[in-house]
Amino acid sequence: MCQIDKIYYIESIDKRTYIYTKDNTLEVSYRLYELESELTRNFFRAAKAMIINIRKIKSVKSEINGRMTAELLNGEQVIIARSYVKELKRKARNLTCKKQKLFFIKRL
C-alpha cells in the first residue's frame, strides 16, 4: 500500500479498486467500503464508487444538476455526486488546517 496522506482518491471500477496518488495508480484487493472504514477523517465518499481525500482538493464548482466538480491539486477533475455534496460541505467547514481553504465556485 502507500501512505494515507499521499492518496488523492480511491475509485472502484468493474469490481477492482484503485488508489490514485500524485504519480502512481495502485490496484488493491480491498473493497471500497473496507478501505473507507480504515481511512482518516480527511476522506469522504464522493460517489458510490469513489472516496476523495479532502486535503487534495484545490477547488470545487457547482454544476447545474446538483453535482459538483472538484479540481484536485494534481489538476485532475472528479465528480461529486449530488447525494454526497452535503457531506463535502460539512467536512469543508470542519477542516482544522488553516493553511488549506476550499474554494467553492458558484455556477452562473
PDB file of N, CA and C in Angstrom:
ATOM      1  N   MET A   1       0.840  -1.184   0.000  1.00  0.00           N
ATOM      2  CA  MET A   1       0.000   0.000   0.000  1.00  0.00           C
ATOM      3  C   MET A   1       0.880   1.241   0.000  1.00  0.00           C
ATOM      4  N   CYS A   2       0.279   2.380   0.273  1.00  0.00           N
ATOM      5  CA  CYS A   2       1.035   3.630   0.301  1.00  0.00           C
ATOM      6  C   CYS A   2       0.605   4.428   1.526  1.00  0.00           C
ATOM      7  N   GLN A   3       1.326   5.504   1.799  1.00  0.00           N
ATOM      8  CA  GLN A   3       0.985   6.356   2.930  1.00  0.00           C
ATOM      9  C   GLN A   3      -0.370   7.015   2.685  1.00  0.00           C
ATOM     10  N   ILE A   4      -1.185   7.070   3.708  1.00  0.00           N
ATOM     11  CA  ILE A   4      -2.535   7.599   3.574  1.00  0.00           C
ATOM     12  C   ILE A   4      -2.527   9.053   3.101  1.00  0.00           C
ATOM     13  N   ASP A   5      -1.596   9.858   3.594  1.00  0.00           N
ATOM     14  CA  ASP A   5      -1.587  11.273   3.216  1.00  0.00           C
ATOM     15  C   ASP A   5      -1.145  11.509   1.775  1.00  0.00           C
ATOM     16  N   LYS A   6      -0.655  10.481   1.096  1.00  0.00           N
ATOM     17  CA  LYS A   6      -0.255  10.595  -0.314  1.00  0.00           C
ATOM     18  C   LYS A   6      -1.417  10.293  -1.265  1.00  0.00           C
ATOM     19  N   ILE A   7      -2.502   9.737  -0.736  1.00  0.00           N
ATOM     20  CA  ILE A   7      -3.644   9.335  -1.565  1.00  0.00           C
ATOM     21  C   ILE A   7      -4.468  10.553  -1.969  1.00  0.00           C
ATOM     22  N   TYR A   8      -4.755  10.674  -3.257  1.00  0.00           N
ATOM     23  CA  TYR A   8      -5.641  11.720  -3.766  1.00  0.00           C
ATOM     24  C   TYR A   8      -7.083  11.217  -3.737  1.00  0.00           C
ATOM     25  N   TYR A   9      -7.315  10.045  -4.336  1.00  0.00           N
ATOM     26  CA  TYR A   9      -8.646   9.448  -4.269  1.00  0.00           C
ATOM     27  C   TYR A   9      -8.554   7.954  -4.530  1.00  0.00           C
ATOM     28  N   ILE A  10      -9.641   7.279  -4.215  1.00  0.00           N
ATOM     29  CA  ILE A  10      -9.752   5.829  -4.399  1.00  0.00           C
ATOM     30  C   ILE A  10     -11.011   5.597  -5.213  1.00  0.00           C
ATOM     31  N   GLU A  11     -10.898   4.724  -6.203  1.00  0.00           N
ATOM     32  CA  GLU A  11     -12.023   4.504  -7.109  1.00  0.00           C
ATOM     33  C   GLU A  11     -12.213   3.015  -7.353  1.00  0.00           C
ATOM     34  N   SER A  12     -13.460   2.619  -7.472  1.00  0.00           N
ATOM     35  CA  SER A  12     -13.796   1.239  -7.793  1.00  0.00           C
ATOM     36  C   SER A  12     -14.370   1.199  -9.205  1.00  0.00           C
ATOM     37  N   ILE A  13     -13.738   0.385 -10.052  1.00  0.00           N
ATOM     38  CA  ILE A  13     -14.171   0.238 -11.444  1.00  0.00           C
ATOM     39  C   ILE A  13     -14.236  -1.250 -11.764  1.00  0.00           C
ATOM     40  N   ASP A  14     -15.393  -1.724 -12.212  1.00  0.00           N
ATOM     41  CA  ASP A  14     -15.565  -3.132 -12.593  1.00  0.00           C
ATOM     42  C   ASP A  14     -15.054  -4.097 -11.524  1.00  0.00           C
ATOM     43  N   LYS A  15     -15.473  -3.877 -10.290  1.00  0.00           N
ATOM     44  CA  LYS A  15     -15.118  -4.724  -9.150  1.00  0.00           C
ATOM     45  C   LYS A  15     -13.615  -4.739  -8.832  1.00  0.00           C
ATOM     46  N   ARG A  16     -12.905  -3.754  -9.326  1.00  0.00           N
ATOM     47  CA  ARG A  16     -11.486  -3.578  -8.992  1.00  0.00           C
ATOM     48  C   ARG A  16     -11.336  -2.224  -8.321  1.00  0.00           C
ATOM     49  N   THR A  17     -10.455  -2.153  -7.342  1.00  0.00           N
ATOM     50  CA  THR A  17     -10.266  -0.919  -6.592  1.00  0.00           C
ATOM     51  C   THR A  17      -8.881  -0.363  -6.873  1.00  0.00           C
ATOM     52  N   TYR A  18      -8.840   0.953  -7.151  1.00  0.00           N
ATOM     53  CA  TYR A  18      -7.589   1.624  -7.492  1.00  0.00           C
ATOM     54  C   TYR A  18      -7.360   2.791  -6.544  1.00  0.00           C
ATOM     55  N   ILE A  19      -6.118   2.945  -6.123  1.00  0.00           N
ATOM     56  CA  ILE A  19      -5.697   4.078  -5.309  1.00  0.00           C
ATOM     57  C   ILE A  19      -4.861   4.988  -6.197  1.00  0.00           C
ATOM     58  N   TYR A  20      -5.230   6.266  -6.224  1.00  0.00           N
ATOM     59  CA  TYR A  20      -4.528   7.242  -7.059  1.00  0.00           C
ATOM     60  C   TYR A  20      -3.725   8.185  -6.170  1.00  0.00           C
ATOM     61  N   THR A  21      -2.433   8.280  -6.459  1.00  0.00           N
ATOM     62  CA  THR A  21      -1.568   9.241  -5.788  1.00  0.00           C
ATOM     63  C   THR A  21      -1.138  10.264  -6.833  1.00  0.00           C
ATOM     64  N   LYS A  22      -0.249  11.162  -6.456  1.00  0.00           N
ATOM     65  CA  LYS A  22       0.194  12.181  -7.401  1.00  0.00           C
ATOM     66  C   LYS A  22       0.842  11.548  -8.630  1.00  0.00           C
ATOM     67  N   ASP A  23       1.644  10.501  -8.425  1.00  0.00           N
ATOM     68  CA  ASP A  23       2.424   9.926  -9.517  1.00  0.00           C
ATOM     69  C   ASP A  23       2.063   8.500  -9.900  1.00  0.00           C
ATOM     70  N   ASN A  24       1.264   7.823  -9.092  1.00  0.00           N
ATOM     71  CA  ASN A  24       1.014   6.395  -9.321  1.00  0.00           C
ATOM     72  C   ASN A  24      -0.460   6.038  -9.215  1.00  0.00           C
ATOM     73  N   THR A  25      -0.784   4.906  -9.810  1.00  0.00           N
ATOM     74  CA  THR A  25      -2.078   4.270  -9.634  1.00  0.00           C
ATOM     75  C   THR A  25      -1.804   2.851  -9.170  1.00  0.00           C
ATOM     76  N   LEU A  26      -2.397   2.483  -8.037  1.00  0.00           N
ATOM     77  CA  LEU A  26      -2.176   1.158  -7.472  1.00  0.00           C
ATOM     78  C   LEU A  26      -3.481   0.379  -7.445  1.00  0.00           C
ATOM     79  N   GLU A  27      -3.441  -0.861  -7.850  1.00  0.00           N
ATOM     80  CA  GLU A  27      -4.622  -1.715  -7.721  1.00  0.00           C
ATOM     81  C   GLU A  27      -4.497  -2.474  -6.413  1.00  0.00           C
ATOM     82  N   VAL A  28      -5.577  -2.487  -5.636  1.00  0.00           N
ATOM     83  CA  VAL A  28      -5.570  -3.178  -4.351  1.00  0.00           C
ATOM     84  C   VAL A  28      -6.684  -4.215  -4.318  1.00  0.00           C
ATOM     85  N   SER A  29      -6.552  -5.160  -3.430  1.00  0.00           N
ATOM     86  CA  SER A  29      -7.528  -6.247  -3.365  1.00  0.00           C
ATOM     87  C   SER A  29      -8.670  -5.970  -2.393  1.00  0.00           C
ATOM     88  N   TYR A  30      -8.701  -4.793  -1.806  1.00  0.00           N
ATOM     89  CA  TYR A  30      -9.758  -4.442  -0.865  1.00  0.00           C
ATOM     90  C   TYR A  30     -10.963  -3.841  -1.586  1.00  0.00           C
ATOM     91  N   ARG A  31     -12.108  -3.955  -0.960  1.00  0.00           N
ATOM     92  CA  ARG A  31     -13.316  -3.293  -1.447  1.00  0.00           C
ATOM     93  C   ARG A  31     -13.317  -1.859  -0.927  1.00  0.00           C
ATOM     94  N   LEU A  32     -14.061  -1.016  -1.587  1.00  0.00           N
ATOM     95  CA  LEU A  32     -14.103   0.392  -1.210  1.00  0.00           C
ATOM     96  C   LEU A  32     -14.572   0.584   0.235  1.00  0.00           C
ATOM     97  N   TYR A  33     -15.604  -0.126   0.640  1.00  0.00           N
ATOM     98  CA  TYR A  33     -16.123   0.037   1.999  1.00  0.00           C
ATOM     99  C   TYR A  33     -15.108  -0.421   3.043  1.00  0.00           C
ATOM    100  N   GLU A  34     -14.260  -1.393   2.710  1.00  0.00           N
ATOM    101  CA  GLU A  34     -13.225  -1.835   3.643  1.00  0.00           C
ATOM    102  C   GLU A  34     -12.172  -0.743   3.842  1.00  0.00           C
ATOM    103  N   LEU A  35     -11.795  -0.099   2.759  1.00  0.00           N
ATOM    104  CA  LEU A  35     -10.821   0.993   2.852  1.00  0.00           C
ATOM    105  C   LEU A  35     -11.424   2.200   3.562  1.00  0.00           C
ATOM    106  N   GLU A  36     -12.670   2.478   3.279  1.00  0.00           N
ATOM    107  CA  GLU A  36     -13.340   3.630   3.878  1.00  0.00           C
ATOM    108  C   GLU A  36     -13.317   3.555   5.405  1.00  0.00           C
ATOM    109  N   SER A  37     -13.491   2.384   5.951  1.00  0.00           N
ATOM    110  CA  SER A  37     -13.505   2.237   7.405  1.00  0.00           C
ATOM    111  C   SER A  37     -12.118   2.420   8.017  1.00  0.00           C
ATOM    112  N   GLU A  38     -11.068   2.296   7.231  1.00  0.00           N
ATOM    113  CA  GLU A  38      -9.697   2.436   7.725  1.00  0.00           C
ATOM    114  C   GLU A  38      -9.104   3.827   7.514  1.00  0.00           C
ATOM    115  N   LEU A  39      -9.747   4.653   6.699  1.00  0.00           N
ATOM    116  CA  LEU A  39      -9.197   5.957   6.356  1.00  0.00           C
ATOM    117  C   LEU A  39      -9.478   6.994   7.440  1.00  0.00           C
ATOM    118  N   THR A  40      -8.695   8.073   7.418  1.00  0.00           N
ATOM    119  CA  THR A  40      -8.848   9.137   8.402  1.00  0.00           C
ATOM    120  C   THR A  40     -10.048  10.007   8.057  1.00  0.00           C
ATOM    121  N   ARG A  41     -10.312  10.967   8.901  1.00  0.00           N
ATOM    122  CA  ARG A  41     -11.447  11.874   8.699  1.00  0.00           C
ATOM    123  C   ARG A  41     -11.246  12.819   7.531  1.00  0.00           C
ATOM    124  N   ASN A  42     -10.063  12.818   6.928  1.00  0.00           N
ATOM    125  CA  ASN A  42      -9.795  13.674   5.774  1.00  0.00           C
ATOM    126  C   ASN A  42     -10.396  13.117   4.484  1.00  0.00           C
ATOM    127  N   PHE A  43     -10.970  11.940   4.545  1.00  0.00           N
ATOM    128  CA  PHE A  43     -11.552  11.296   3.368  1.00  0.00           C
ATOM    129  C   PHE A  43     -13.074  11.308   3.468  1.00  0.00           C
ATOM    130  N   PHE A  44     -13.727  11.393   2.324  1.00  0.00           N
ATOM    131  CA  PHE A  44     -15.179  11.311   2.311  1.00  0.00           C
ATOM    132  C   PHE A  44     -15.627  10.604   1.034  1.00  0.00           C
ATOM    133  N   ARG A  45     -16.786   9.997   1.123  1.00  0.00           N
ATOM    134  CA  ARG A  45     -17.378   9.318  -0.024  1.00  0.00           C
ATOM    135  C   ARG A  45     -17.940  10.392  -0.946  1.00  0.00           C
ATOM    136  N   ALA A  46     -17.478  10.405  -2.191  1.00  0.00           N
ATOM    137  CA  ALA A  46     -17.904  11.414  -3.151  1.00  0.00           C
ATOM    138  C   ALA A  46     -18.878  10.852  -4.173  1.00  0.00           C
ATOM    139  N   ALA A  47     -18.935   9.545  -4.263  1.00  0.00           N
ATOM    140  CA  ALA A  47     -19.846   8.846  -5.173  1.00  0.00           C
ATOM    141  C   ALA A  47     -19.888   7.394  -4.717  1.00  0.00           C
ATOM    142  N   LYS A  48     -20.784   6.645  -5.281  1.00  0.00           N
ATOM    143  CA  LYS A  48     -20.899   5.240  -4.904  1.00  0.00           C
ATOM    144  C   LYS A  48     -19.578   4.496  -5.091  1.00  0.00           C
ATOM    145  N   ALA A  49     -18.803   4.908  -6.090  1.00  0.00           N
ATOM    146  CA  ALA A  49     -17.565   4.203  -6.418  1.00  0.00           C
ATOM    147  C   ALA A  49     -16.306   5.039  -6.182  1.00  0.00           C
ATOM    148  N   MET A  50     -16.401   6.103  -5.348  1.00  0.00           N
ATOM    149  CA  MET A  50     -15.225   6.950  -5.165  1.00  0.00           C
ATOM    150  C   MET A  50     -15.147   7.550  -3.769  1.00  0.00           C
ATOM    151  N   ILE A  51     -13.921   7.572  -3.231  1.00  0.00           N
ATOM    152  CA  ILE A  51     -13.606   8.233  -1.981  1.00  0.00           C
ATOM    153  C   ILE A  51     -12.495   9.236  -2.286  1.00  0.00           C
ATOM    154  N   ILE A  52     -12.643  10.469  -1.788  1.00  0.00           N
ATOM    155  CA  ILE A  52     -11.671  11.527  -2.077  1.00  0.00           C
ATOM    156  C   ILE A  52     -11.023  12.018  -0.782  1.00  0.00           C
ATOM    157  N   ASN A  53      -9.735  12.341  -0.874  1.00  0.00           N
ATOM    158  CA  ASN A  53      -9.012  12.985   0.220  1.00  0.00           C
ATOM    159  C   ASN A  53      -9.316  14.484   0.135  1.00  0.00           C
ATOM    160  N   ILE A  54     -10.034  15.011   1.103  1.00  0.00           N
ATOM    161  CA  ILE A  54     -10.456  16.412   1.051  1.00  0.00           C
ATOM    162  C   ILE A  54      -9.258  17.357   1.060  1.00  0.00           C
ATOM    163  N   ARG A  55      -8.147  16.946   1.594  1.00  0.00           N
ATOM    164  CA  ARG A  55      -6.950  17.798   1.641  1.00  0.00           C
ATOM    165  C   ARG A  55      -6.252  17.888   0.288  1.00  0.00           C
ATOM    166  N   LYS A  56      -6.681  17.104  -0.670  1.00  0.00           N
ATOM    167  CA  LYS A  56      -6.106  17.156  -2.018  1.00  0.00           C
ATOM    168  C   LYS A  56      -7.003  17.915  -2.993  1.00  0.00           C
ATOM    169  N   ILE A  57      -8.073  18.520  -2.489  1.00  0.00           N
ATOM    170  CA  ILE A  57      -8.973  19.291  -3.332  1.00  0.00           C
ATOM    171  C   ILE A  57      -8.492  20.736  -3.386  1.00  0.00           C
ATOM    172  N   LYS A  58      -8.346  21.232  -4.602  1.00  0.00           N
ATOM    173  CA  LYS A  58      -7.937  22.622  -4.811  1.00  0.00           C
ATOM    174  C   LYS A  58      -9.150  23.548  -4.845  1.00  0.00           C
ATOM    175  N   SER A  59     -10.175  23.162  -5.596  1.00  0.00           N
ATOM    176  CA  SER A  59     -11.393  23.964  -5.695  1.00  0.00           C
ATOM    177  C   SER A  59     -12.566  23.064  -6.046  1.00  0.00           C
ATOM    178  N   VAL A  60     -13.763  23.601  -5.808  1.00  0.00           N
ATOM    179  CA  VAL A  60     -14.991  22.865  -6.090  1.00  0.00           C
ATOM    180  C   VAL A  60     -15.943  23.799  -6.820  1.00  0.00           C
ATOM    181  N   LYS A  61     -16.583  23.258  -7.860  1.00  0.00           N
ATOM    182  CA  LYS A  61     -17.505  24.059  -8.664  1.00  0.00           C
ATOM    183  C   LYS A  61     -18.861  23.366  -8.718  1.00  0.00           C
ATOM    184  N   SER A  62     -19.915  24.134  -8.488  1.00  0.00           N
ATOM    185  CA  SER A  62     -21.277  23.594  -8.574  1.00  0.00           C
ATOM    186  C   SER A  62     -21.661  23.394 -10.025  1.00  0.00           C
ATOM    187  N   GLU A  63     -22.401  22.346 -10.274  1.00  0.00           N
ATOM    188  CA  GLU A  63     -22.937  22.071 -11.608  1.00  0.00           C
ATOM    189  C   GLU A  63     -24.449  22.291 -11.568  1.00  0.00           C
ATOM    190  N   ILE A  64     -25.044  22.416 -12.718  1.00  0.00           N
ATOM    191  CA  ILE A  64     -26.479  22.695 -12.826  1.00  0.00           C
ATOM    192  C   ILE A  64     -27.326  21.584 -12.192  1.00  0.00           C
ATOM    193  N   ASN A  65     -26.930  20.352 -12.357  1.00  0.00           N
ATOM    194  CA  ASN A  65     -27.733  19.215 -11.915  1.00  0.00           C
ATOM    195  C   ASN A  65     -27.565  18.856 -10.439  1.00  0.00           C
ATOM    196  N   GLY A  66     -26.911  19.708  -9.647  1.00  0.00           N
ATOM    197  CA  GLY A  66     -26.746  19.454  -8.223  1.00  0.00           C
ATOM    198  C   GLY A  66     -25.443  18.769  -7.873  1.00  0.00           C
ATOM    199  N   ARG A  67     -24.766  18.240  -8.881  1.00  0.00           N
ATOM    200  CA  ARG A  67     -23.456  17.639  -8.628  1.00  0.00           C
ATOM    201  C   ARG A  67     -22.419  18.740  -8.495  1.00  0.00           C
ATOM    202  N   MET A  68     -21.216  18.337  -8.128  1.00  0.00           N
ATOM    203  CA  MET A  68     -20.105  19.275  -8.067  1.00  0.00           C
ATOM    204  C   MET A  68     -18.909  18.660  -8.769  1.00  0.00           C
ATOM    205  N   THR A  69     -18.043  19.518  -9.282  1.00  0.00           N
ATOM    206  CA  THR A  69     -16.792  19.066  -9.866  1.00  0.00           C
ATOM    207  C   THR A  69     -15.671  19.578  -8.973  1.00  0.00           C
ATOM    208  N   ALA A  70     -14.822  18.676  -8.527  1.00  0.00           N
ATOM    209  CA  ALA A  70     -13.687  19.051  -7.687  1.00  0.00           C
ATOM    210  C   ALA A  70     -12.411  18.990  -8.517  1.00  0.00           C
ATOM    211  N   GLU A  71     -11.625  20.050  -8.443  1.00  0.00           N
ATOM    212  CA  GLU A  71     -10.306  20.035  -9.072  1.00  0.00           C
ATOM    213  C   GLU A  71      -9.304  19.688  -7.976  1.00  0.00           C
ATOM    214  N   LEU A  72      -8.534  18.638  -8.223  1.00  0.00           N
ATOM    215  CA  LEU A  72      -7.546  18.202  -7.247  1.00  0.00           C
ATOM    216  C   LEU A  72      -6.238  18.957  -7.436  1.00  0.00           C
ATOM    217  N   LEU A  73      -5.360  18.860  -6.468  1.00  0.00           N
ATOM    218  CA  LEU A  73      -4.075  19.562  -6.521  1.00  0.00           C
ATOM    219  C   LEU A  73      -3.212  19.124  -7.699  1.00  0.00           C
ATOM    220  N   ASN A  74      -3.436  17.911  -8.194  1.00  0.00           N
ATOM    221  CA  ASN A  74      -2.656  17.426  -9.341  1.00  0.00           C
ATOM    222  C   ASN A  74      -3.301  17.796 -10.681  1.00  0.00           C
ATOM    223  N   GLY A  75      -4.383  18.573 -10.648  1.00  0.00           N
ATOM    224  CA  GLY A  75      -5.033  19.026 -11.875  1.00  0.00           C
ATOM    225  C   GLY A  75      -6.179  18.150 -12.349  1.00  0.00           C
ATOM    226  N   GLU A  76      -6.324  16.969 -11.795  1.00  0.00           N
ATOM    227  CA  GLU A  76      -7.432  16.090 -12.190  1.00  0.00           C
ATOM    228  C   GLU A  76      -8.753  16.671 -11.705  1.00  0.00           C
ATOM    229  N   GLN A  77      -9.813  16.375 -12.443  1.00  0.00           N
ATOM    230  CA  GLN A  77     -11.147  16.780 -12.040  1.00  0.00           C
ATOM    231  C   GLN A  77     -11.981  15.538 -11.789  1.00  0.00           C
ATOM    232  N   VAL A  78     -12.687  15.528 -10.669  1.00  0.00           N
ATOM    233  CA  VAL A  78     -13.544  14.405 -10.314  1.00  0.00           C
ATOM    234  C   VAL A  78     -14.933  14.933  -9.974  1.00  0.00           C
ATOM    235  N   ILE A  79     -15.926  14.098 -10.198  1.00  0.00           N
ATOM    236  CA  ILE A  79     -17.324  14.467  -9.957  1.00  0.00           C
ATOM    237  C   ILE A  79     -17.736  14.036  -8.557  1.00  0.00           C
ATOM    238  N   ILE A  80     -18.419  14.926  -7.864  1.00  0.00           N
ATOM    239  CA  ILE A  80     -19.005  14.604  -6.567  1.00  0.00           C
ATOM    240  C   ILE A  80     -20.503  14.485  -6.796  1.00  0.00           C
ATOM    241  N   ALA A  81     -21.036  13.308  -6.528  1.00  0.00           N
ATOM    242  CA  ALA A  81     -22.448  13.028  -6.774  1.00  0.00           C
ATOM    243  C   ALA A  81     -23.336  13.901  -5.888  1.00  0.00           C
ATOM    244  N   ARG A  82     -24.495  14.223  -6.394  1.00  0.00           N
ATOM    245  CA  ARG A  82     -25.445  15.105  -5.710  1.00  0.00           C
ATOM    246  C   ARG A  82     -25.727  14.649  -4.276  1.00  0.00           C
ATOM    247  N   SER A  83     -25.869  13.354  -4.076  1.00  0.00           N
ATOM    248  CA  SER A  83     -26.218  12.848  -2.743  1.00  0.00           C
ATOM    249  C   SER A  83     -25.068  12.956  -1.736  1.00  0.00           C
ATOM    250  N   TYR A  84     -23.859  13.284  -2.185  1.00  0.00           N
ATOM    251  CA  TYR A  84     -22.705  13.399  -1.291  1.00  0.00           C
ATOM    252  C   TYR A  84     -22.229  14.840  -1.120  1.00  0.00           C
ATOM    253  N   VAL A  85     -22.872  15.791  -1.754  1.00  0.00           N
ATOM    254  CA  VAL A  85     -22.463  17.197  -1.683  1.00  0.00           C
ATOM    255  C   VAL A  85     -22.573  17.726  -0.254  1.00  0.00           C
ATOM    256  N   LYS A  86     -23.645  17.365   0.449  1.00  0.00           N
ATOM    257  CA  LYS A  86     -23.835  17.830   1.819  1.00  0.00           C
ATOM    258  C   LYS A  86     -22.681  17.373   2.717  1.00  0.00           C
ATOM    259  N   GLU A  87     -22.227  16.151   2.529  1.00  0.00           N
ATOM    260  CA  GLU A  87     -21.106  15.629   3.320  1.00  0.00           C
ATOM    261  C   GLU A  87     -19.830  16.419   3.033  1.00  0.00           C
ATOM    262  N   LEU A  88     -19.585  16.753   1.774  1.00  0.00           N
ATOM    263  CA  LEU A  88     -18.416  17.559   1.420  1.00  0.00           C
ATOM    264  C   LEU A  88     -18.472  18.915   2.111  1.00  0.00           C
ATOM    265  N   LYS A  89     -19.608  19.557   2.071  1.00  0.00           N
ATOM    266  CA  LYS A  89     -19.738  20.871   2.700  1.00  0.00           C
ATOM    267  C   LYS A  89     -19.519  20.789   4.207  1.00  0.00           C
ATOM    268  N   ARG A  90     -20.026  19.737   4.828  1.00  0.00           N
ATOM    269  CA  ARG A  90     -19.822  19.543   6.267  1.00  0.00           C
ATOM    270  C   ARG A  90     -18.346  19.350   6.581  1.00  0.00           C
ATOM    271  N   LYS A  91     -17.681  18.515   5.792  1.00  0.00           N
ATOM    272  CA  LYS A  91     -16.246  18.270   6.006  1.00  0.00           C
ATOM    273  C   LYS A  91     -15.430  19.530   5.770  1.00  0.00           C
ATOM    274  N   ALA A  92     -15.805  20.315   4.768  1.00  0.00           N
ATOM    275  CA  ALA A  92     -15.064  21.539   4.454  1.00  0.00           C
ATOM    276  C   ALA A  92     -15.162  22.532   5.608  1.00  0.00           C
ATOM    277  N   ARG A  93     -16.315  22.620   6.237  1.00  0.00           N
ATOM    278  CA  ARG A  93     -16.483  23.515   7.389  1.00  0.00           C
ATOM    279  C   ARG A  93     -15.633  23.075   8.565  1.00  0.00           C
ATOM    280  N   ASN A  94     -15.419  21.776   8.686  1.00  0.00           N
ATOM    281  CA  ASN A  94     -14.697  21.235   9.832  1.00  0.00           C
ATOM    282  C   ASN A  94     -13.195  21.090   9.624  1.00  0.00           C
ATOM    283  N   LEU A  95     -12.692  21.568   8.486  1.00  0.00           N
ATOM    284  CA  LEU A  95     -11.249  21.482   8.264  1.00  0.00           C
ATOM    285  C   LEU A  95     -10.519  22.222   9.373  1.00  0.00           C
ATOM    286  N   THR A  96      -9.561  21.558   9.964  1.00  0.00           N
ATOM    287  CA  THR A  96      -8.840  22.183  11.061  1.00  0.00           C
ATOM    288  C   THR A  96      -7.547  22.844  10.602  1.00  0.00           C
ATOM    289  N   CYS A  97      -7.095  22.488   9.425  1.00  0.00           N
ATOM    290  CA  CYS A  97      -5.852  23.048   8.905  1.00  0.00           C
ATOM    291  C   CYS A  97      -6.137  24.443   8.353  1.00  0.00           C
ATOM    292  N   LYS A  98      -5.551  25.463   8.927  1.00  0.00           N
ATOM    293  CA  LYS A  98      -5.811  26.833   8.494  1.00  0.00           C
ATOM    294  C   LYS A  98      -5.125  27.160   7.180  1.00  0.00           C
ATOM    295  N   LYS A  99      -4.135  26.369   6.788  1.00  0.00           N
ATOM    296  CA  LYS A  99      -3.416  26.627   5.545  1.00  0.00           C
ATOM    297  C   LYS A  99      -4.293  26.369   4.337  1.00  0.00           C
ATOM    298  N   GLN A 100      -5.124  25.337   4.414  1.00  0.00           N
ATOM    299  CA  GLN A 100      -5.927  24.955   3.251  1.00  0.00           C
ATOM    300  C   GLN A 100      -7.331  25.519   3.367  1.00  0.00           C
ATOM    301  N   LYS A 101      -7.751  26.172   2.338  1.00  0.00           N
ATOM    302  CA  LYS A 101      -9.119  26.640   2.241  1.00  0.00           C
ATOM    303  C   LYS A 101      -9.720  26.051   0.986  1.00  0.00           C
ATOM    304  N   LEU A 102     -10.942  25.630   1.090  1.00  0.00           N
ATOM    305  CA  LEU A 102     -11.624  25.065  -0.058  1.00  0.00           C
ATOM    306  C   LEU A 102     -12.414  26.178  -0.731  1.00  0.00           C
ATOM    307  N   PHE A 103     -12.200  26.362  -2.008  1.00  0.00           N
ATOM    308  CA  PHE A 103     -12.881  27.419  -2.738  1.00  0.00           C
ATOM    309  C   PHE A 103     -14.064  26.842  -3.473  1.00  0.00           C
ATOM    310  N   PHE A 104     -15.248  27.326  -3.117  1.00  0.00           N
ATOM    311  CA  PHE A 104     -16.459  26.903  -3.796  1.00  0.00           C
ATOM    312  C   PHE A 104     -16.771  27.946  -4.867  1.00  0.00           C
ATOM    313  N   ILE A 105     -16.856  27.503  -6.081  1.00  0.00           N
ATOM    314  CA  ILE A 105     -17.136  28.388  -7.215  1.00  0.00           C
ATOM    315  C   ILE A 105     -18.586  28.182  -7.616  1.00  0.00           C
ATOM    316  N   LYS A 106     -19.373  29.239  -7.563  1.00  0.00           N
ATOM    317  CA  LYS A 106     -20.784  29.114  -7.942  1.00  0.00           C
ATOM    318  C   LYS A 106     -20.920  29.234  -9.449  1.00  0.00           C
ATOM    319  N   ARG A 107     -21.749  28.379  -9.986  1.00  0.00           N
ATOM    320  CA  ARG A 107     -22.036  28.421 -11.420  1.00  0.00           C
ATOM    321  C   ARG A 107     -23.033  29.532 -11.677  1.00  0.00           C
ATOM    322  N   LEU A 108     -22.775  30.345 -12.683  1.00  0.00           N
ATOM    323  CA  LEU A 108     -23.667  31.462 -13.020  1.00  0.00           C
ATOM    324  C   LEU A 108     -24.817  31.017 -13.879  1.00  0.00           C
TER     325      LEU A 108
END
